[in-house]
C-alpha cells in the first residue's frame, strides 16, 4: 500500500489462483465469465457481490513504469524507515510504531505521541513545515460504522496518540533527522 503509485487505482498481488479469481469477480460486478468469453455469448453469470473497479489503461501504464523501479523504491523506503528509527531513538514521549522492514516495505512511519500531547505536537510540527499526518482515526468511531459501534478503549487511546511523519522514497536521511529534531524540540517545549 502506497509504495507504488498508479495515480488512481491500484493492483492486487494474489497468493493463489483462487484469490486471483475472487479478485477478478469482485472488480467486475461479480461476473463469473471472463470478458473474452462474454463477448462470444448472449448471456453471462453473476455469481455474487462485485463492484466496477477496473483501473484505466493510463493509470495501469503509470503503474507498470513505477514497477520497473520498485527495487530502488523498496531499498530507499527501508533505509528511510531505519533512518527514522535511529533519529527517533531516545526521544522521550514518543514511541516508534514498529514495522518489520526485513519482510515488508513500510508505507509510512508512524509514532505514538504519549501523554495526550499528539494534537498540540501535530499542529506545532505543521507550523514548522513538517508534513505530519494522522493515519488513521479508528473506524469504529466513524459515522459510517455507528450501527456496529462498541467501546474499544485501547483502540481509541491509540487513535489519539498515532501520528505519521513525512515518508516517501524521495526523502533523505537528512530529512528524517530534521523531522525527528523538530519533534524533539516541540516535545521539550523549545523554540526553533
N, C-alpha and C. Protein backbone atom coordinates (compact mmCIF):
# COMPACT_ATOMS: atom_id res chain seq x y z
N UNK A 1 0.83 -1.18 0.00
CA UNK A 1 0.00 0.00 0.00
C UNK A 1 0.88 1.24 0.00
N UNK A 2 0.65 2.13 -0.92
CA UNK A 2 1.31 3.42 -1.03
C UNK A 2 2.77 3.35 -1.46
N UNK A 3 3.28 2.19 -1.74
CA UNK A 3 4.69 2.09 -2.12
C UNK A 3 4.90 2.22 -3.62
N UNK A 4 3.85 2.07 -4.37
CA UNK A 4 3.93 2.15 -5.82
C UNK A 4 2.68 2.87 -6.29
N UNK A 5 2.83 3.93 -7.06
CA UNK A 5 1.65 4.68 -7.46
C UNK A 5 1.21 4.34 -8.88
N UNK A 6 -0.09 4.43 -9.07
CA UNK A 6 -0.68 4.31 -10.40
C UNK A 6 -1.42 5.61 -10.72
N UNK A 7 -1.30 6.60 -9.85
CA UNK A 7 -2.05 7.83 -9.99
C UNK A 7 -3.42 7.68 -9.36
N UNK A 8 -4.20 6.75 -9.86
CA UNK A 8 -5.52 6.45 -9.31
C UNK A 8 -5.77 4.97 -9.54
N UNK A 9 -6.19 4.29 -8.51
CA UNK A 9 -6.41 2.85 -8.64
C UNK A 9 -5.29 2.10 -7.97
N UNK A 10 -5.26 0.83 -8.16
CA UNK A 10 -4.23 0.03 -7.53
C UNK A 10 -4.21 -1.37 -8.09
N UNK A 11 -3.30 -2.14 -7.58
CA UNK A 11 -3.14 -3.52 -8.04
C UNK A 11 -3.12 -4.43 -6.82
N UNK A 12 -3.53 -5.64 -7.04
CA UNK A 12 -3.51 -6.67 -6.00
C UNK A 12 -2.62 -7.79 -6.50
N UNK A 13 -1.79 -8.30 -5.62
CA UNK A 13 -0.95 -9.45 -5.95
C UNK A 13 -1.52 -10.64 -5.19
N UNK A 14 -2.33 -11.47 -5.86
CA UNK A 14 -2.93 -12.61 -5.17
C UNK A 14 -1.89 -13.70 -4.90
N UNK A 15 -2.13 -14.45 -3.83
CA UNK A 15 -1.21 -15.52 -3.46
C UNK A 15 -1.57 -16.85 -4.09
N UNK A 16 -2.82 -17.01 -4.51
CA UNK A 16 -3.28 -18.28 -5.07
C UNK A 16 -4.17 -18.02 -6.28
N UNK A 17 -4.36 -19.04 -7.13
CA UNK A 17 -5.30 -18.88 -8.24
C UNK A 17 -6.72 -18.58 -7.77
N UNK A 18 -7.13 -19.14 -6.64
CA UNK A 18 -8.47 -18.87 -6.12
C UNK A 18 -8.61 -17.39 -5.74
N UNK A 19 -7.59 -16.83 -5.08
CA UNK A 19 -7.62 -15.41 -4.75
C UNK A 19 -7.68 -14.56 -6.01
N UNK A 20 -6.95 -14.95 -7.04
CA UNK A 20 -6.96 -14.20 -8.31
C UNK A 20 -8.36 -14.22 -8.92
N UNK A 21 -9.01 -15.39 -8.94
CA UNK A 21 -10.37 -15.48 -9.48
C UNK A 21 -11.34 -14.63 -8.67
N UNK A 22 -11.21 -14.67 -7.36
CA UNK A 22 -12.08 -13.88 -6.49
C UNK A 22 -11.91 -12.39 -6.76
N UNK A 23 -10.67 -11.95 -6.89
CA UNK A 23 -10.40 -10.53 -7.18
C UNK A 23 -10.99 -10.12 -8.53
N UNK A 24 -10.86 -10.97 -9.52
CA UNK A 24 -11.42 -10.67 -10.85
C UNK A 24 -12.94 -10.52 -10.77
N UNK A 25 -13.59 -11.43 -10.04
CA UNK A 25 -15.05 -11.35 -9.91
C UNK A 25 -15.45 -10.09 -9.14
N UNK A 26 -14.74 -9.78 -8.08
CA UNK A 26 -15.08 -8.60 -7.28
C UNK A 26 -14.93 -7.31 -8.09
N UNK A 27 -13.88 -7.21 -8.91
CA UNK A 27 -13.67 -5.97 -9.67
C UNK A 27 -14.63 -5.86 -10.85
N UNK A 28 -15.21 -6.97 -11.27
CA UNK A 28 -16.05 -6.99 -12.48
C UNK A 28 -17.51 -7.27 -12.20
N UNK A 29 -18.08 -6.61 -11.18
CA UNK A 29 -19.51 -6.70 -10.89
C UNK A 29 -19.98 -8.10 -10.50
N UNK A 30 -19.06 -8.96 -10.07
CA UNK A 30 -19.42 -10.32 -9.66
C UNK A 30 -19.63 -11.28 -10.81
N UNK A 31 -19.29 -10.84 -12.02
CA UNK A 31 -19.49 -11.67 -13.21
C UNK A 31 -18.43 -12.77 -13.24
N UNK A 32 -18.88 -13.98 -13.46
CA UNK A 32 -18.01 -15.15 -13.40
C UNK A 32 -17.15 -15.30 -14.66
N UNK A 33 -17.75 -15.14 -15.85
CA UNK A 33 -17.03 -15.41 -17.09
C UNK A 33 -16.08 -14.26 -17.45
N UNK A 34 -14.93 -14.59 -18.01
CA UNK A 34 -14.01 -13.54 -18.46
C UNK A 34 -14.61 -12.77 -19.64
N UNK A 35 -14.12 -11.55 -19.86
CA UNK A 35 -14.65 -10.67 -20.91
C UNK A 35 -14.62 -11.32 -22.29
N UNK A 36 -13.54 -12.03 -22.60
CA UNK A 36 -13.43 -12.65 -23.93
C UNK A 36 -14.55 -13.67 -24.15
N UNK A 37 -14.87 -14.45 -23.14
CA UNK A 37 -15.94 -15.44 -23.26
C UNK A 37 -17.29 -14.75 -23.35
N UNK A 38 -17.50 -13.67 -22.58
CA UNK A 38 -18.78 -12.95 -22.62
C UNK A 38 -19.02 -12.34 -23.99
N UNK A 39 -17.96 -11.94 -24.67
CA UNK A 39 -18.11 -11.33 -26.00
C UNK A 39 -18.65 -12.33 -27.02
N UNK A 40 -18.52 -13.61 -26.76
CA UNK A 40 -18.93 -14.66 -27.70
C UNK A 40 -20.28 -15.27 -27.37
N UNK A 41 -20.99 -14.73 -26.38
CA UNK A 41 -22.25 -15.33 -25.97
C UNK A 41 -23.29 -14.25 -25.71
N UNK A 42 -24.51 -14.66 -25.50
CA UNK A 42 -25.60 -13.70 -25.30
C UNK A 42 -25.99 -13.55 -23.84
N UNK A 43 -25.28 -14.21 -22.94
CA UNK A 43 -25.60 -14.12 -21.52
C UNK A 43 -24.34 -14.29 -20.69
N UNK A 44 -24.45 -14.04 -19.43
CA UNK A 44 -23.34 -14.26 -18.50
C UNK A 44 -23.93 -14.50 -17.11
N UNK A 45 -23.06 -14.92 -16.19
CA UNK A 45 -23.49 -15.29 -14.85
C UNK A 45 -22.90 -14.33 -13.83
N UNK A 46 -23.77 -13.80 -12.96
CA UNK A 46 -23.32 -13.01 -11.82
C UNK A 46 -23.34 -13.95 -10.62
N UNK A 47 -22.15 -14.30 -10.14
CA UNK A 47 -22.05 -15.31 -9.10
C UNK A 47 -22.08 -14.78 -7.68
N UNK A 48 -22.07 -13.48 -7.52
CA UNK A 48 -22.07 -12.90 -6.18
C UNK A 48 -21.77 -11.42 -6.23
N UNK A 49 -21.49 -10.89 -5.08
CA UNK A 49 -21.21 -9.46 -4.95
C UNK A 49 -20.02 -9.05 -5.82
N UNK A 50 -20.09 -7.86 -6.36
CA UNK A 50 -18.98 -7.32 -7.12
C UNK A 50 -19.11 -5.82 -7.26
N UNK A 51 -18.06 -5.20 -7.74
CA UNK A 51 -18.02 -3.75 -7.95
C UNK A 51 -17.47 -3.47 -9.34
N UNK A 52 -17.62 -2.25 -9.79
CA UNK A 52 -16.95 -1.83 -11.01
C UNK A 52 -15.67 -1.15 -10.53
N UNK A 53 -14.57 -1.85 -10.60
CA UNK A 53 -13.32 -1.35 -10.01
C UNK A 53 -12.11 -1.62 -10.90
N UNK A 54 -12.29 -1.42 -12.19
CA UNK A 54 -11.17 -1.62 -13.09
C UNK A 54 -10.32 -0.34 -13.13
N UNK A 55 -9.03 -0.52 -13.29
CA UNK A 55 -8.12 0.60 -13.43
C UNK A 55 -8.07 1.01 -14.90
N UNK A 56 -7.96 2.31 -15.14
CA UNK A 56 -7.88 2.77 -16.53
C UNK A 56 -6.54 2.35 -17.14
N UNK A 57 -6.48 2.19 -18.45
CA UNK A 57 -5.21 1.84 -19.10
C UNK A 57 -4.11 2.86 -18.85
N UNK A 58 -4.47 4.15 -18.77
CA UNK A 58 -3.47 5.18 -18.50
C UNK A 58 -2.86 4.98 -17.11
N UNK A 59 -3.71 4.74 -16.11
CA UNK A 59 -3.19 4.52 -14.76
C UNK A 59 -2.39 3.22 -14.67
N UNK A 60 -2.81 2.20 -15.41
CA UNK A 60 -2.04 0.95 -15.43
C UNK A 60 -0.67 1.17 -16.04
N UNK A 61 -0.59 2.00 -17.08
CA UNK A 61 0.71 2.30 -17.70
C UNK A 61 1.63 3.00 -16.72
N UNK A 62 1.09 3.94 -15.95
CA UNK A 62 1.88 4.62 -14.92
C UNK A 62 2.40 3.59 -13.91
N UNK A 63 1.53 2.69 -13.49
CA UNK A 63 1.93 1.66 -12.53
C UNK A 63 3.02 0.74 -13.08
N UNK A 64 2.91 0.37 -14.35
CA UNK A 64 3.94 -0.50 -14.94
C UNK A 64 5.30 0.19 -14.98
N UNK A 65 5.32 1.49 -15.26
CA UNK A 65 6.59 2.23 -15.25
C UNK A 65 7.14 2.26 -13.83
N UNK A 66 6.27 2.50 -12.84
CA UNK A 66 6.71 2.51 -11.44
C UNK A 66 7.25 1.14 -11.03
N UNK A 67 6.62 0.10 -11.50
CA UNK A 67 7.03 -1.26 -11.15
C UNK A 67 8.47 -1.53 -11.56
N UNK A 68 8.88 -0.96 -12.69
CA UNK A 68 10.27 -1.14 -13.14
C UNK A 68 11.28 -0.59 -12.14
N UNK A 69 10.87 0.35 -11.29
CA UNK A 69 11.77 0.99 -10.32
C UNK A 69 11.49 0.55 -8.89
N UNK A 70 10.68 -0.48 -8.72
CA UNK A 70 10.25 -0.84 -7.37
C UNK A 70 11.40 -1.30 -6.48
N UNK A 71 12.39 -1.97 -7.02
CA UNK A 71 13.51 -2.44 -6.19
C UNK A 71 14.21 -1.24 -5.54
N UNK A 72 14.40 -0.19 -6.30
CA UNK A 72 15.02 1.03 -5.75
C UNK A 72 14.10 1.67 -4.71
N UNK A 73 12.81 1.72 -5.00
CA UNK A 73 11.83 2.27 -4.07
C UNK A 73 11.85 1.49 -2.75
N UNK A 74 11.85 0.18 -2.87
CA UNK A 74 11.88 -0.69 -1.69
C UNK A 74 13.11 -0.42 -0.85
N UNK A 75 14.27 -0.34 -1.47
CA UNK A 75 15.52 -0.09 -0.76
C UNK A 75 15.49 1.26 -0.06
N UNK A 76 15.03 2.28 -0.75
CA UNK A 76 15.00 3.64 -0.19
C UNK A 76 14.02 3.74 0.97
N UNK A 77 12.85 3.13 0.84
CA UNK A 77 11.85 3.19 1.92
C UNK A 77 12.35 2.46 3.16
N UNK A 78 12.96 1.33 2.98
CA UNK A 78 13.50 0.61 4.14
C UNK A 78 14.61 1.41 4.81
N UNK A 79 15.48 2.00 4.02
CA UNK A 79 16.57 2.81 4.58
C UNK A 79 16.02 4.04 5.30
N UNK A 80 15.00 4.68 4.73
CA UNK A 80 14.41 5.85 5.37
C UNK A 80 13.77 5.47 6.69
N UNK A 81 13.04 4.35 6.72
CA UNK A 81 12.41 3.92 7.97
C UNK A 81 13.47 3.64 9.03
N UNK A 82 14.53 2.96 8.63
CA UNK A 82 15.62 2.69 9.59
C UNK A 82 16.28 4.00 10.05
N UNK A 83 16.41 4.97 9.12
CA UNK A 83 16.96 6.28 9.48
C UNK A 83 16.08 6.97 10.51
N UNK A 84 14.78 6.91 10.33
CA UNK A 84 13.86 7.46 11.33
C UNK A 84 14.04 6.74 12.66
N UNK A 85 14.12 5.41 12.63
CA UNK A 85 14.28 4.65 13.88
C UNK A 85 15.50 5.12 14.65
N UNK A 86 16.60 5.35 13.95
CA UNK A 86 17.82 5.84 14.60
C UNK A 86 17.62 7.26 15.12
N UNK A 87 17.05 8.13 14.30
CA UNK A 87 16.87 9.53 14.67
C UNK A 87 15.89 9.70 15.83
N UNK A 88 14.90 8.82 15.93
CA UNK A 88 13.89 8.93 16.98
C UNK A 88 14.32 8.27 18.29
N UNK A 89 15.35 7.45 18.22
CA UNK A 89 15.80 6.72 19.41
C UNK A 89 16.17 7.71 20.52
N UNK A 90 15.60 7.50 21.68
CA UNK A 90 15.92 8.34 22.82
C UNK A 90 15.06 9.58 22.99
N UNK A 91 14.13 9.83 22.07
CA UNK A 91 13.23 10.97 22.24
C UNK A 91 12.15 10.56 23.24
N UNK A 92 12.13 11.24 24.37
CA UNK A 92 11.19 10.92 25.44
C UNK A 92 9.80 11.42 25.05
N UNK A 93 8.80 10.56 25.23
CA UNK A 93 7.42 10.93 24.94
C UNK A 93 6.94 10.47 23.59
N UNK A 94 7.80 9.74 22.85
CA UNK A 94 7.43 9.24 21.53
C UNK A 94 7.87 7.79 21.42
N UNK A 95 6.97 6.96 20.92
CA UNK A 95 7.30 5.56 20.62
C UNK A 95 7.11 5.32 19.13
N UNK A 96 8.12 4.80 18.49
CA UNK A 96 8.03 4.43 17.08
C UNK A 96 7.15 3.19 16.95
N UNK A 97 6.19 3.22 16.03
CA UNK A 97 5.37 2.05 15.75
C UNK A 97 6.21 1.15 14.86
N UNK A 98 6.53 -0.02 15.36
CA UNK A 98 7.47 -0.91 14.68
C UNK A 98 6.91 -1.42 13.36
N UNK A 99 7.81 -1.61 12.42
CA UNK A 99 7.48 -2.23 11.14
C UNK A 99 8.56 -3.27 10.87
N UNK A 100 8.18 -4.40 10.36
CA UNK A 100 9.13 -5.46 10.06
C UNK A 100 9.77 -5.17 8.71
N UNK A 101 10.75 -4.25 8.71
CA UNK A 101 11.33 -3.80 7.44
C UNK A 101 12.15 -4.87 6.74
N UNK A 102 12.46 -5.94 7.41
CA UNK A 102 13.17 -7.04 6.75
C UNK A 102 12.21 -7.83 5.85
N UNK A 103 10.91 -7.80 6.17
CA UNK A 103 9.94 -8.61 5.43
C UNK A 103 8.87 -7.79 4.72
N UNK A 104 8.80 -6.49 4.98
CA UNK A 104 7.80 -5.64 4.34
C UNK A 104 8.46 -4.36 3.85
N UNK A 105 7.75 -3.64 3.03
CA UNK A 105 8.18 -2.31 2.61
C UNK A 105 7.27 -1.33 3.33
N UNK A 106 7.81 -0.55 4.26
CA UNK A 106 6.94 0.32 5.05
C UNK A 106 6.27 1.39 4.19
N UNK A 107 4.94 1.53 4.32
CA UNK A 107 4.23 2.57 3.57
C UNK A 107 4.26 3.92 4.28
N UNK A 108 4.57 3.90 5.58
CA UNK A 108 4.62 5.14 6.36
C UNK A 108 5.47 4.91 7.60
N UNK A 109 5.76 6.01 8.28
CA UNK A 109 6.47 5.94 9.55
C UNK A 109 5.57 6.56 10.61
N UNK A 110 5.02 5.73 11.46
CA UNK A 110 4.08 6.18 12.48
C UNK A 110 4.75 6.17 13.85
N UNK A 111 4.37 7.16 14.64
CA UNK A 111 4.82 7.23 16.02
C UNK A 111 3.61 7.41 16.92
N UNK A 112 3.78 7.03 18.17
CA UNK A 112 2.78 7.33 19.20
C UNK A 112 3.32 8.50 19.99
N UNK A 113 2.55 9.58 20.07
CA UNK A 113 2.90 10.72 20.91
C UNK A 113 2.14 10.53 22.22
N UNK A 114 2.88 10.31 23.28
CA UNK A 114 2.30 9.91 24.56
C UNK A 114 1.81 11.10 25.38
N UNK A 115 1.09 10.80 26.44
CA UNK A 115 0.67 11.78 27.44
C UNK A 115 -0.30 12.83 26.91
N UNK A 116 -1.13 12.47 25.91
CA UNK A 116 -2.16 13.37 25.44
C UNK A 116 -1.67 14.60 24.69
N UNK A 117 -0.46 14.55 24.18
CA UNK A 117 0.12 15.73 23.53
C UNK A 117 0.06 15.67 22.01
N UNK A 118 -0.49 14.62 21.44
CA UNK A 118 -0.43 14.43 20.00
C UNK A 118 -0.96 15.63 19.21
N UNK A 119 -2.14 16.13 19.56
CA UNK A 119 -2.74 17.20 18.76
C UNK A 119 -1.89 18.47 18.80
N UNK A 120 -1.37 18.84 19.98
CA UNK A 120 -0.52 20.01 20.08
C UNK A 120 0.76 19.81 19.28
N UNK A 121 1.38 18.65 19.41
CA UNK A 121 2.61 18.35 18.68
C UNK A 121 2.34 18.37 17.17
N UNK A 122 1.24 17.77 16.75
CA UNK A 122 0.86 17.76 15.34
C UNK A 122 0.82 19.18 14.78
N UNK A 123 0.07 20.05 15.45
CA UNK A 123 -0.11 21.42 14.94
C UNK A 123 1.20 22.21 14.97
N UNK A 124 1.99 22.02 16.00
CA UNK A 124 3.27 22.74 16.09
C UNK A 124 4.22 22.28 14.98
N UNK A 125 4.26 20.99 14.72
CA UNK A 125 5.11 20.49 13.63
C UNK A 125 4.63 21.00 12.28
N UNK A 126 3.31 21.02 12.06
CA UNK A 126 2.78 21.58 10.80
C UNK A 126 3.18 23.04 10.66
N UNK A 127 3.12 23.80 11.77
CA UNK A 127 3.52 25.21 11.75
C UNK A 127 5.01 25.36 11.42
N UNK A 128 5.79 24.36 11.71
CA UNK A 128 7.23 24.39 11.44
C UNK A 128 7.56 23.81 10.06
N UNK A 129 6.54 23.48 9.28
CA UNK A 129 6.77 22.98 7.93
C UNK A 129 7.02 21.49 7.84
N UNK A 130 6.76 20.77 8.91
CA UNK A 130 6.94 19.31 8.90
C UNK A 130 5.58 18.68 8.56
N UNK A 131 5.50 17.96 7.45
CA UNK A 131 4.24 17.42 6.93
C UNK A 131 3.78 16.17 7.63
N UNK A 132 3.45 16.29 8.90
CA UNK A 132 2.93 15.14 9.65
C UNK A 132 1.47 14.91 9.28
N UNK A 133 0.99 13.71 9.58
CA UNK A 133 -0.40 13.36 9.31
C UNK A 133 -0.94 12.47 10.40
N UNK A 134 -2.20 12.12 10.30
CA UNK A 134 -2.82 11.18 11.22
C UNK A 134 -3.46 10.09 10.38
N UNK A 135 -2.91 8.89 10.46
CA UNK A 135 -3.39 7.74 9.69
C UNK A 135 -3.57 6.56 10.66
N UNK A 136 -4.67 6.25 11.02
CA UNK A 136 -6.00 6.64 10.62
C UNK A 136 -6.84 6.74 11.86
N UNK A 137 -7.88 7.61 11.88
CA UNK A 137 -8.79 7.60 13.03
C UNK A 137 -9.46 6.23 13.12
N UNK A 138 -9.74 5.76 14.33
CA UNK A 138 -10.36 4.44 14.47
C UNK A 138 -11.68 4.34 13.71
N UNK A 139 -11.83 3.32 12.89
CA UNK A 139 -13.03 3.15 12.07
C UNK A 139 -14.30 3.09 12.90
N UNK A 140 -14.25 2.42 14.03
CA UNK A 140 -15.48 2.21 14.79
C UNK A 140 -16.05 3.52 15.36
N UNK A 141 -15.29 4.61 15.30
CA UNK A 141 -15.79 5.91 15.77
C UNK A 141 -16.37 6.74 14.63
N UNK A 142 -16.30 6.25 13.42
CA UNK A 142 -16.78 6.98 12.26
C UNK A 142 -18.29 6.77 12.09
N UNK A 143 -18.99 7.81 11.59
CA UNK A 143 -20.45 7.69 11.40
C UNK A 143 -20.86 6.50 10.54
N UNK A 144 -20.06 6.14 9.55
CA UNK A 144 -20.43 5.03 8.66
C UNK A 144 -20.55 3.71 9.41
N UNK A 145 -19.89 3.61 10.56
CA UNK A 145 -19.89 2.36 11.30
C UNK A 145 -20.65 2.47 12.62
N UNK A 146 -21.45 3.51 12.78
CA UNK A 146 -22.16 3.76 14.04
C UNK A 146 -23.04 2.59 14.46
N UNK A 147 -23.62 1.90 13.50
CA UNK A 147 -24.52 0.79 13.84
C UNK A 147 -23.78 -0.34 14.55
N UNK A 148 -22.48 -0.42 14.36
CA UNK A 148 -21.71 -1.51 14.97
C UNK A 148 -20.81 -1.02 16.10
N UNK A 149 -20.98 0.23 16.49
CA UNK A 149 -20.07 0.82 17.49
C UNK A 149 -20.17 0.10 18.82
N UNK A 150 -19.04 -0.09 19.40
CA UNK A 150 -18.94 -0.53 20.79
C UNK A 150 -17.64 0.06 21.31
N UNK A 151 -17.53 0.28 22.58
CA UNK A 151 -16.31 0.87 23.12
C UNK A 151 -15.09 -0.05 22.89
N UNK A 152 -14.04 0.54 22.39
CA UNK A 152 -12.76 -0.15 22.23
C UNK A 152 -11.70 0.78 22.81
N UNK A 153 -11.56 0.78 24.13
CA UNK A 153 -10.73 1.79 24.80
C UNK A 153 -9.26 1.80 24.37
N UNK A 154 -8.67 0.67 24.10
CA UNK A 154 -7.26 0.65 23.68
C UNK A 154 -7.14 1.25 22.29
N UNK A 155 -8.01 0.85 21.38
CA UNK A 155 -8.01 1.40 20.03
C UNK A 155 -8.23 2.91 20.07
N UNK A 156 -9.16 3.35 20.89
CA UNK A 156 -9.46 4.78 20.99
C UNK A 156 -8.27 5.56 21.55
N UNK A 157 -7.59 5.01 22.55
CA UNK A 157 -6.41 5.67 23.10
C UNK A 157 -5.31 5.76 22.04
N UNK A 158 -5.06 4.65 21.34
CA UNK A 158 -4.04 4.66 20.30
C UNK A 158 -4.41 5.63 19.18
N UNK A 159 -5.70 5.72 18.86
CA UNK A 159 -6.16 6.65 17.84
C UNK A 159 -5.87 8.10 18.20
N UNK A 160 -5.82 8.40 19.49
CA UNK A 160 -5.49 9.76 19.94
C UNK A 160 -3.98 10.00 20.03
N UNK A 161 -3.19 8.93 19.89
CA UNK A 161 -1.73 9.04 20.02
C UNK A 161 -0.98 8.97 18.69
N UNK A 162 -1.53 8.28 17.71
CA UNK A 162 -0.81 8.00 16.47
C UNK A 162 -0.66 9.26 15.61
N UNK A 163 0.54 9.41 15.07
CA UNK A 163 0.85 10.48 14.13
C UNK A 163 1.88 9.92 13.14
N UNK A 164 1.76 10.29 11.89
CA UNK A 164 2.72 9.82 10.90
C UNK A 164 3.67 10.95 10.52
N UNK A 165 4.91 10.57 10.31
CA UNK A 165 5.95 11.51 9.92
C UNK A 165 6.07 11.52 8.40
N UNK A 166 6.62 12.57 7.83
CA UNK A 166 6.78 12.61 6.37
C UNK A 166 7.52 11.36 5.89
N UNK A 167 6.99 10.72 4.85
CA UNK A 167 7.59 9.44 4.44
C UNK A 167 7.29 9.15 2.98
N UNK A 168 8.29 9.26 2.14
CA UNK A 168 8.23 8.79 0.76
C UNK A 168 9.66 8.58 0.28
N UNK A 169 9.81 7.86 -0.80
CA UNK A 169 11.14 7.43 -1.23
C UNK A 169 12.04 8.56 -1.71
N UNK A 170 11.51 9.77 -1.85
CA UNK A 170 12.35 10.89 -2.30
C UNK A 170 12.90 11.69 -1.12
N UNK A 171 12.50 11.34 0.10
CA UNK A 171 13.08 11.97 1.27
C UNK A 171 14.46 11.38 1.53
N UNK A 172 15.30 12.16 2.18
CA UNK A 172 16.65 11.70 2.51
C UNK A 172 16.75 11.40 3.99
N UNK A 173 17.84 10.77 4.37
CA UNK A 173 18.08 10.54 5.80
C UNK A 173 18.20 11.87 6.53
N UNK A 174 18.74 12.88 5.88
CA UNK A 174 18.83 14.22 6.48
C UNK A 174 17.42 14.77 6.75
N UNK A 175 16.49 14.53 5.83
CA UNK A 175 15.10 14.95 6.04
C UNK A 175 14.51 14.26 7.27
N UNK A 176 14.76 12.97 7.42
CA UNK A 176 14.26 12.22 8.58
C UNK A 176 14.87 12.77 9.87
N UNK A 177 16.15 13.04 9.85
CA UNK A 177 16.81 13.60 11.04
C UNK A 177 16.24 14.97 11.38
N UNK A 178 15.97 15.79 10.36
CA UNK A 178 15.38 17.11 10.59
C UNK A 178 14.00 16.98 11.23
N UNK A 179 13.15 16.10 10.69
CA UNK A 179 11.81 15.90 11.25
C UNK A 179 11.90 15.42 12.70
N UNK A 180 12.82 14.50 12.97
CA UNK A 180 12.99 13.99 14.34
C UNK A 180 13.51 15.09 15.27
N UNK A 181 14.43 15.91 14.79
CA UNK A 181 14.94 17.02 15.61
C UNK A 181 13.83 18.01 15.95
N UNK A 182 12.99 18.34 14.96
CA UNK A 182 11.88 19.26 15.22
C UNK A 182 10.89 18.63 16.20
N UNK A 183 10.64 17.35 16.08
CA UNK A 183 9.77 16.65 17.02
C UNK A 183 10.34 16.75 18.43
N UNK A 184 11.62 16.50 18.56
CA UNK A 184 12.29 16.60 19.86
C UNK A 184 12.12 18.01 20.43
N UNK A 185 12.35 19.03 19.61
CA UNK A 185 12.23 20.42 20.07
C UNK A 185 10.82 20.73 20.55
N UNK A 186 9.82 20.29 19.81
CA UNK A 186 8.44 20.54 20.21
C UNK A 186 8.13 19.84 21.53
N UNK A 187 8.59 18.62 21.69
CA UNK A 187 8.28 17.86 22.90
C UNK A 187 8.94 18.46 24.14
N UNK A 188 10.10 19.04 24.00
CA UNK A 188 10.75 19.64 25.16
C UNK A 188 10.33 21.11 25.33
N UNK A 189 9.48 21.61 24.40
CA UNK A 189 8.97 22.96 24.53
C UNK A 189 9.89 24.05 24.05
N UNK A 190 10.95 23.65 23.31
CA UNK A 190 11.91 24.63 22.83
C UNK A 190 11.46 25.31 21.57
N UNK A 191 12.11 26.37 21.23
CA UNK A 191 11.82 27.11 20.01
C UNK A 191 12.57 26.52 18.85
N UNK A 192 12.64 27.30 17.79
CA UNK A 192 13.31 26.85 16.57
C UNK A 192 14.78 26.67 16.79
